[in-house]
């Protein structure tokens, strides 16, 4: 089965940095597009960043210039480097995978909490 495990969340003050990681198993990692989503209380889950199997990246406007998504196919991991964090970045962050046969991101991790204080 597909399994995605996030780590690296925590509490940080505004302006600080965190690095999230996602370890994948049960998939041929190098063939999957990967992404990070987040969900704040009372709000819908939103796209943060994606990276295709070919290495192309896409970011939400709200995080451009501050967040960087990357992948290491040899280690089956995806990372999200978050710099210059703002209180509005507070959310549960989820790792997601889009399998080669799927049109949407349909596999999700358990999430990791990121809290940014003022």
Protein backbone atom coordinates (compact mmCIF):
# COMPACT_ATOMS: atom_id res chain seq x y z
CA UNK A 1 0.00 0.00 0.00
CA UNK A 2 1.02 3.62 -0.49
CA UNK A 3 2.35 5.23 2.67
CA UNK A 4 3.45 8.84 3.12
CA UNK A 5 4.90 9.99 6.42
CA UNK A 6 5.52 13.67 7.16
CA UNK A 7 7.87 15.05 9.78
CA UNK A 8 9.51 18.30 10.76
CA UNK A 9 6.59 20.39 11.92
CA UNK A 10 6.63 22.40 15.09
CA UNK A 11 6.34 25.81 16.68
CA UNK A 12 8.35 28.70 15.31
CA UNK A 13 8.27 32.46 15.66
CA UNK A 14 7.45 34.71 12.73
CA UNK A 15 10.44 35.12 10.47
CA UNK A 16 11.83 31.73 11.37
CA UNK A 17 12.30 28.60 9.30
CA UNK A 18 11.21 24.98 9.27
CA UNK A 19 12.04 22.08 7.01
CA UNK A 20 9.36 19.45 6.41
CA UNK A 21 10.10 16.04 5.00
CA UNK A 22 7.97 13.28 3.54
CA UNK A 23 9.06 9.66 3.27
CA UNK A 24 7.23 7.57 0.69
CA UNK A 25 6.82 3.83 0.36
CA UNK A 26 4.62 1.49 -1.64
CA UNK A 27 5.11 3.45 -4.87
CA UNK A 28 7.69 3.77 -7.58
CA UNK A 29 8.67 7.15 -6.24
CA UNK A 30 10.53 8.44 -9.27
CA UNK A 31 7.38 8.12 -11.41
CA UNK A 32 5.10 10.12 -9.12
CA UNK A 33 4.33 13.80 -8.95
CA UNK A 34 4.54 14.97 -5.34
CA UNK A 35 3.11 17.90 -3.48
CA UNK A 36 2.55 19.67 -0.22
CA UNK A 37 -0.86 20.91 0.85
CA UNK A 38 -1.98 22.62 4.02
CA UNK A 39 -5.21 23.08 5.91
CA UNK A 40 -5.86 25.71 8.54
CA UNK A 41 -8.74 25.42 11.03
CA UNK A 42 -12.04 26.29 9.37
CA UNK A 43 -10.53 26.45 5.90
CA UNK A 44 -10.28 24.10 2.96
CA UNK A 45 -7.12 22.27 2.11
CA UNK A 46 -5.00 24.31 -0.27
CA UNK A 47 -2.06 23.67 -2.53
CA UNK A 48 1.29 24.87 -1.25
CA UNK A 49 3.75 23.45 -3.76
CA UNK A 50 4.13 20.60 -6.23
CA UNK A 51 7.04 18.95 -7.96
CA UNK A 52 6.62 16.62 -10.90
CA UNK A 53 8.55 13.44 -11.49
CA UNK A 54 10.57 15.48 -13.96
CA UNK A 55 11.45 18.14 -11.40
CA UNK A 56 9.15 20.96 -12.48
CA UNK A 57 7.85 22.98 -9.54
CA UNK A 58 4.78 25.08 -8.85
CA UNK A 59 3.99 27.26 -5.84
CA UNK A 60 1.02 29.04 -4.39
CA UNK A 61 1.39 32.79 -4.75
CA UNK A 62 1.32 33.17 -0.99
CA UNK A 63 4.54 31.18 -0.53
CA UNK A 64 6.55 32.08 -3.63
CA UNK A 65 9.99 33.29 -2.71
CA UNK A 66 9.75 31.82 0.79
CA UNK A 67 9.16 28.08 0.33
CA UNK A 68 11.14 25.60 -1.75
CA UNK A 69 10.02 22.09 -2.66
CA UNK A 70 12.56 19.46 -3.65
CA UNK A 71 12.82 15.71 -4.04
CA UNK A 72 15.45 13.03 -3.69
CA UNK A 73 14.44 10.04 -5.78
CA UNK A 74 17.25 7.91 -4.38
CA UNK A 75 15.85 8.34 -0.86
CA UNK A 76 12.14 8.42 -1.78
CA UNK A 77 11.71 11.74 0.00
CA UNK A 78 10.18 15.14 -0.67
CA UNK A 79 11.09 18.19 1.36
CA UNK A 80 9.59 21.61 1.89
CA UNK A 81 11.97 24.28 3.10
CA UNK A 82 9.95 27.10 4.66
CA UNK A 83 11.66 30.40 5.32
CA UNK A 84 10.39 33.78 6.51
CA UNK A 85 7.40 32.11 8.09
CA UNK A 86 4.30 34.15 8.84
CA UNK A 87 1.45 33.51 11.28
CA UNK A 88 -0.84 32.88 8.32
CA UNK A 89 1.31 29.87 7.42
CA UNK A 90 -0.05 28.10 10.50
CA UNK A 91 -1.76 24.90 9.36
CA UNK A 92 -1.50 21.14 9.19
CA UNK A 93 0.78 20.34 6.28
CA UNK A 94 0.15 17.21 4.22
CA UNK A 95 2.35 15.34 1.81
CA UNK A 96 0.55 14.06 -1.28
CA UNK A 97 1.32 11.85 -4.26
CA UNK A 98 -0.20 11.63 -7.71
CA UNK A 99 0.28 8.21 -9.23
CA UNK A 100 1.04 7.90 -12.95
CA UNK A 101 -2.48 6.59 -13.69
CA UNK A 102 -4.26 9.31 -11.69
CA UNK A 103 -5.24 12.83 -12.68
CA UNK A 104 -5.38 14.12 -9.08
CA UNK A 105 -3.35 13.88 -5.91
CA UNK A 106 -5.11 10.97 -4.23
CA UNK A 107 -2.62 9.64 -1.67
CA UNK A 108 -2.05 11.59 1.52
CA UNK A 109 0.08 11.48 4.61
CA UNK A 110 -1.15 11.96 8.15
CA UNK A 111 -0.07 15.59 8.32
CA UNK A 112 2.31 17.56 10.49
CA UNK A 113 1.39 20.66 12.46
CA UNK A 114 3.14 23.94 11.75
CA UNK A 115 2.43 26.81 14.13
CA UNK A 116 3.90 30.26 13.58
CA UNK A 117 3.60 32.72 16.44
CA UNK A 118 3.70 36.50 16.21
